[in-house]
Amino acid sequence: MAVNNTEEEKKEEKNSEKKKESKIPYEYWLVIWMLVSLTLLLLALILLPAFFTSSKRFIEYSKWILPALLGAYGAWIGAGAAYFFGKENLKLSSKSTQDALESQQKMSKKLAENAQVEDIKPTPINPHFKFTMKSTVKEVITALDKNVDYWFVPVLEEEKMKMKDVIHTEALWRYLKSNPKGEDDPLKKVIDYIEENNKIKASKLHGFFAIFKMDNQVGNVLKSMTRRDVSVGIVCDEQDKATHCFSRKDLRSFLLGGD
């Protein structure tokens, strides 16, 4: 029923738009009324003297009033016609400009969506700020003290150094709060703690990232991140090693033509 109602509403909107388009503007009727009025007055001025041929004064008056009325009504009609046709021309010109701009925007958006991740210039990941599952919490804290702006920690496998997980720094501090003596614990314990803690999952400190490639299309990446509700994209190379990162905000800014 909801679908049918929506379709009916759309049809009504289209019909109302068509009625508005087909409705003759008031300016048109104004011009027609002025033309009819002028015609009637001219006929009256031309025909009336024929009934009063004995009155030279009336004929002289008619000769004087005729050019005056012609000039006045001509200016009146000219102003009305100029207003009406000028308005129509302006409307058509504005519509053409709007259509051209919309077409250009659609084309620009399509080109931006078809661009690749490398085109948004993702931020390189600091090679000295990568850790493995065996790295301790203390090592990460020491590195965070030197890089206070970092808010997530890339975690790699021990053997091939492939991307394994990403730890939100807030989740790391929560782990330390629940385990005050856990500075020497490996990051694997932190990851297990995050996986088992429902509060952390509910606060979106878990699963906030997704892995992509440099040649992935920007439009598809943004749709994927929006659907999965992730805020960070990690770029991995052919060996699945993390090289760059970007945010969902970076993608939107790129699509909107920002820096």
Protein backbone atom coordinates (compact mmCIF):
# COMPACT_ATOMS: atom_id res chain seq x y z
CA MET A 1 0.00 0.00 0.00
CA ALA A 2 2.83 2.38 0.83
CA VAL A 3 4.35 1.83 -2.60
CA ASN A 4 1.04 2.48 -4.34
CA ASN A 5 0.48 5.65 -2.34
CA THR A 6 3.94 6.86 -3.26
CA GLU A 7 3.30 6.20 -6.96
CA GLU A 8 -0.03 8.01 -6.78
CA GLU A 9 1.62 11.00 -5.08
CA LYS A 10 4.27 11.10 -7.82
CA LYS A 11 1.57 11.03 -10.50
CA GLU A 12 -0.31 13.86 -8.78
CA GLU A 13 2.89 15.92 -8.60
CA LYS A 14 3.55 15.35 -12.31
CA ASN A 15 -0.03 16.31 -13.20
CA SER A 16 0.17 19.47 -11.10
CA GLU A 17 3.47 20.40 -12.78
CA LYS A 18 1.92 19.87 -16.21
CA LYS A 19 -1.05 22.06 -15.24
CA LYS A 20 1.32 24.79 -14.08
CA GLU A 21 3.25 24.58 -17.34
CA SER A 22 0.07 24.63 -19.47
CA LYS A 23 -1.45 27.54 -17.52
CA ILE A 24 -1.26 30.79 -19.51
CA PRO A 25 0.46 33.52 -17.47
CA TYR A 26 -1.39 36.68 -16.45
CA GLU A 27 0.98 38.84 -18.47
CA TYR A 28 -0.27 37.22 -21.66
CA TRP A 29 -3.88 38.12 -20.87
CA LEU A 30 -2.77 41.63 -19.94
CA VAL A 31 -1.25 42.14 -23.39
CA ILE A 32 -4.38 40.73 -25.09
CA TRP A 33 -6.64 43.00 -23.03
CA MET A 34 -4.55 46.07 -23.93
CA LEU A 35 -4.71 45.19 -27.64
CA VAL A 36 -8.49 44.71 -27.51
CA SER A 37 -8.94 47.97 -25.58
CA LEU A 38 -6.81 49.89 -28.05
CA THR A 39 -8.69 48.40 -30.99
CA LEU A 40 -12.06 49.38 -29.54
CA LEU A 41 -10.91 52.90 -28.79
CA LEU A 42 -9.43 53.35 -32.25
CA LEU A 43 -12.65 52.13 -33.87
CA ALA A 44 -14.64 54.51 -31.69
CA LEU A 45 -12.44 57.44 -32.61
CA ILE A 46 -12.58 56.59 -36.30
CA LEU A 47 -16.33 55.92 -36.48
CA LEU A 48 -17.69 58.58 -34.13
CA PRO A 49 -16.78 61.55 -36.35
CA ALA A 50 -18.91 60.02 -39.11
CA PHE A 51 -21.99 60.55 -36.94
CA PHE A 52 -21.04 64.12 -36.08
CA THR A 53 -19.93 65.54 -39.46
CA SER A 54 -21.59 68.84 -38.65
CA SER A 55 -19.34 69.41 -35.71
CA LYS A 56 -15.95 70.66 -36.90
CA ARG A 57 -14.80 71.06 -33.32
CA PHE A 58 -15.37 67.36 -32.59
CA ILE A 59 -13.48 66.39 -35.74
CA GLU A 60 -10.56 68.59 -34.76
CA TYR A 61 -10.65 67.07 -31.27
CA SER A 62 -10.62 63.57 -32.77
CA LYS A 63 -7.64 64.45 -34.92
CA TRP A 64 -5.79 65.61 -31.84
CA ILE A 65 -6.72 62.74 -29.52
CA LEU A 66 -5.96 59.97 -32.01
CA PRO A 67 -2.16 60.38 -32.13
CA ALA A 68 -2.07 60.95 -28.37
CA LEU A 69 -3.93 57.69 -27.69
CA LEU A 70 -1.86 55.83 -30.23
CA GLY A 71 1.35 56.94 -28.54
CA ALA A 72 0.10 56.20 -25.02
CA TYR A 73 -1.37 52.82 -25.79
CA GLY A 74 1.56 51.91 -28.01
CA ALA A 75 3.93 52.55 -25.12
CA TRP A 76 1.61 50.60 -22.80
CA ILE A 77 1.47 47.63 -25.14
CA GLY A 78 5.22 47.81 -25.79
CA ALA A 79 5.98 47.76 -22.06
CA GLY A 80 3.62 44.85 -21.43
CA ALA A 81 4.90 42.85 -24.38
CA ALA A 82 8.52 43.54 -23.43
CA TYR A 83 7.85 42.40 -19.88
CA PHE A 84 6.05 39.24 -20.98
CA PHE A 85 8.46 38.12 -23.69
CA GLY A 86 11.50 39.23 -21.67
CA LYS A 87 10.30 37.14 -18.75
CA GLU A 88 9.78 34.13 -20.98
CA ASN A 89 13.24 34.52 -22.53
CA LEU A 90 14.80 34.86 -19.10
CA LYS A 91 12.97 31.76 -17.91
CA LEU A 92 14.16 29.75 -20.91
CA SER A 93 17.70 31.06 -20.50
CA SER A 94 17.73 30.21 -16.79
CA LYS A 95 16.40 26.73 -17.49
CA SER A 96 19.04 26.12 -20.15
CA THR A 97 21.79 27.30 -17.79
CA GLN A 98 20.44 25.12 -14.98
CA ASP A 99 20.25 22.07 -17.25
CA ALA A 100 23.82 22.66 -18.41
CA LEU A 101 25.07 23.00 -14.83
CA GLU A 102 23.22 19.86 -13.72
CA SER A 103 24.63 17.94 -16.66
CA GLN A 104 28.13 19.18 -15.85
CA GLN A 105 27.73 18.28 -12.17
CA LYS A 106 26.49 14.78 -13.04
CA MET A 107 29.41 14.27 -15.40
CA SER A 108 31.91 15.56 -12.81
CA LYS A 109 30.39 13.34 -10.12
CA LYS A 110 30.50 10.31 -12.41
CA LEU A 111 34.16 10.99 -13.25
CA ALA A 112 34.96 11.38 -9.55
CA GLU A 113 33.15 8.14 -8.66
CA ASN A 114 35.06 6.29 -11.37
CA ALA A 115 38.37 7.63 -10.04
CA GLN A 116 40.63 5.26 -8.13
CA VAL A 117 41.67 5.35 -4.49
CA GLU A 118 45.15 6.52 -5.45
CA ASP A 119 43.57 9.67 -6.94
CA ILE A 120 42.41 10.88 -3.51
CA LYS A 121 46.05 10.81 -2.35
CA PRO A 122 45.64 8.63 0.75
CA THR A 123 47.94 9.20 3.73
CA PRO A 124 51.00 6.94 3.87
CA ILE A 125 51.18 4.78 6.98
CA ASN A 126 54.28 5.42 9.05
CA PRO A 127 56.53 2.36 8.53
CA HIS A 128 57.79 2.82 12.09
CA PHE A 129 54.27 2.71 13.48
CA LYS A 130 53.40 -0.88 12.57
CA PHE A 131 53.23 -3.68 15.08
CA THR A 132 52.78 -7.44 15.13
CA MET A 133 50.58 -9.72 17.19
CA LYS A 134 53.56 -10.32 19.49
CA SER A 135 54.28 -6.62 20.09
CA THR A 136 53.55 -5.56 23.66
CA VAL A 137 51.13 -2.92 24.85
CA LYS A 138 54.05 -1.00 26.30
CA GLU A 139 55.70 -0.74 22.86
CA VAL A 140 52.52 0.73 21.41
CA ILE A 141 52.15 3.21 24.27
CA THR A 142 55.74 4.38 23.79
CA ALA A 143 55.10 4.90 20.07
CA LEU A 144 51.84 6.73 20.77
CA ASP A 145 53.67 9.15 23.07
CA LYS A 146 55.79 10.16 20.08
CA ASN A 147 52.82 10.27 17.69
CA VAL A 148 50.05 11.85 19.76
CA ASP A 149 47.80 12.41 16.73
CA TYR A 150 47.54 8.70 15.89
CA TRP A 151 44.27 7.14 16.90
CA PHE A 152 44.53 3.65 15.45
CA VAL A 153 47.26 1.01 15.54
CA PRO A 154 47.94 -1.25 12.52
CA VAL A 155 48.70 -4.84 13.55
CA LEU A 156 50.53 -7.21 11.18
CA GLU A 157 51.27 -10.92 11.06
CA GLU A 158 54.65 -12.03 12.37
CA GLU A 159 55.82 -14.04 9.38
CA LYS A 160 54.88 -12.25 6.15
CA MET A 161 53.97 -8.94 7.82
CA LYS A 162 50.54 -8.95 6.20
CA MET A 163 47.72 -6.82 7.50
CA LYS A 164 45.98 -8.60 10.37
CA ASP A 165 43.92 -6.09 12.37
CA VAL A 166 43.59 -2.47 13.46
CA ILE A 167 43.22 -1.45 17.10
CA HIS A 168 41.46 1.76 18.07
CA THR A 169 43.57 3.58 20.67
CA GLU A 170 40.48 4.14 22.85
CA ALA A 171 40.00 0.36 22.96
CA LEU A 172 43.67 0.00 23.94
CA TRP A 173 43.20 2.37 26.89
CA ARG A 174 40.09 0.49 27.96
CA TYR A 175 42.07 -2.73 27.96
CA LEU A 176 44.70 -1.15 30.20
CA LYS A 177 42.01 0.19 32.51
CA SER A 178 40.56 -3.30 32.96
CA ASN A 179 44.09 -4.84 33.12
CA PRO A 180 46.32 -2.33 34.97
CA LYS A 181 49.27 -4.71 34.81
CA GLY A 182 48.80 -5.55 31.15
CA GLU A 183 51.58 -3.41 29.68
CA ASP A 184 53.66 -6.49 28.94
CA ASP A 185 50.76 -8.33 27.29
CA PRO A 186 51.00 -8.98 23.54
CA LEU A 187 48.57 -7.22 21.22
CA LYS A 188 46.89 -10.56 20.54
CA LYS A 189 45.40 -10.39 24.04
CA VAL A 190 44.14 -6.89 23.35
CA ILE A 191 42.48 -8.05 20.13
CA ASP A 192 40.86 -11.02 21.93
CA TYR A 193 39.62 -8.65 24.64
CA ILE A 194 38.06 -6.35 22.02
CA GLU A 195 36.42 -9.30 20.25
CA GLU A 196 34.80 -10.49 23.49
CA ASN A 197 33.77 -7.08 24.90
CA ASN A 198 30.23 -6.17 23.85
CA LYS A 199 30.51 -2.58 25.12
CA ILE A 200 33.47 -1.92 22.84
CA LYS A 201 31.59 -3.39 19.89
CA ALA A 202 28.57 -1.24 20.65
CA SER A 203 30.73 1.92 20.81
CA LYS A 204 32.07 1.25 17.29
CA LEU A 205 35.64 0.82 18.50
CA HIS A 206 35.65 -2.55 16.79
CA GLY A 207 35.33 -3.18 13.06
CA PHE A 208 35.69 0.50 12.19
CA PHE A 209 37.97 -0.16 9.22
CA ALA A 210 37.96 -1.95 5.86
CA ILE A 211 40.77 -3.01 3.52
CA PHE A 212 40.96 -1.80 -0.09
CA LYS A 213 43.34 -1.63 -3.02
CA MET A 214 44.75 1.42 -4.76
CA ASP A 215 42.88 0.62 -8.00
CA ASN A 216 39.44 0.34 -6.34
CA GLN A 217 36.92 2.89 -7.61
CA VAL A 218 36.11 5.73 -5.22
CA GLY A 219 32.34 5.44 -5.71
CA ASN A 220 32.32 1.73 -4.90
CA VAL A 221 34.61 2.21 -1.90
CA LEU A 222 32.37 4.90 -0.42
CA LYS A 223 29.27 2.75 -0.92
CA SER A 224 31.02 -0.19 0.74
CA MET A 225 32.20 1.89 3.71
CA THR A 226 28.76 3.46 4.15
CA ARG A 227 26.99 0.09 3.96
CA ARG A 228 29.38 -1.48 6.48
CA ASP A 229 29.45 1.69 8.61
CA VAL A 230 33.25 1.91 8.74
CA SER A 231 35.14 5.18 9.02
CA VAL A 232 38.67 4.18 7.97
CA GLY A 233 40.00 2.57 4.83
CA ILE A 234 43.33 0.74 4.89
CA VAL A 235 45.13 0.41 1.56
CA CYS A 236 47.10 -2.78 1.09
CA ASP A 237 49.41 -3.70 -1.76
CA GLU A 238 49.52 -6.96 -3.72
CA GLN A 239 51.32 -8.64 -0.79
CA ASP A 240 48.54 -7.53 1.60
CA LYS A 241 50.88 -5.14 3.37
CA ALA A 242 49.36 -1.92 4.69
CA THR A 243 50.74 1.12 2.88
CA HIS A 244 48.20 3.96 3.15
CA CYS A 245 45.01 4.96 4.91
CA PHE A 246 42.08 7.34 4.35
CA SER A 247 38.79 8.25 5.97
CA ARG A 248 35.25 8.23 4.68
CA LYS A 249 35.34 12.01 5.02
CA ASP A 250 38.26 12.12 2.57
CA LEU A 251 36.17 10.28 -0.02
CA ARG A 252 33.20 12.61 0.38
CA SER A 253 35.44 15.66 0.15
CA PHE A 254 36.94 14.30 -3.06
CA LEU A 255 33.53 13.63 -4.60
CA LEU A 256 32.37 17.13 -3.69
CA GLY A 257 35.43 18.62 -5.35
CA GLY A 258 37.20 19.63 -2.15
CA ASP A 259 40.88 19.46 -1.46
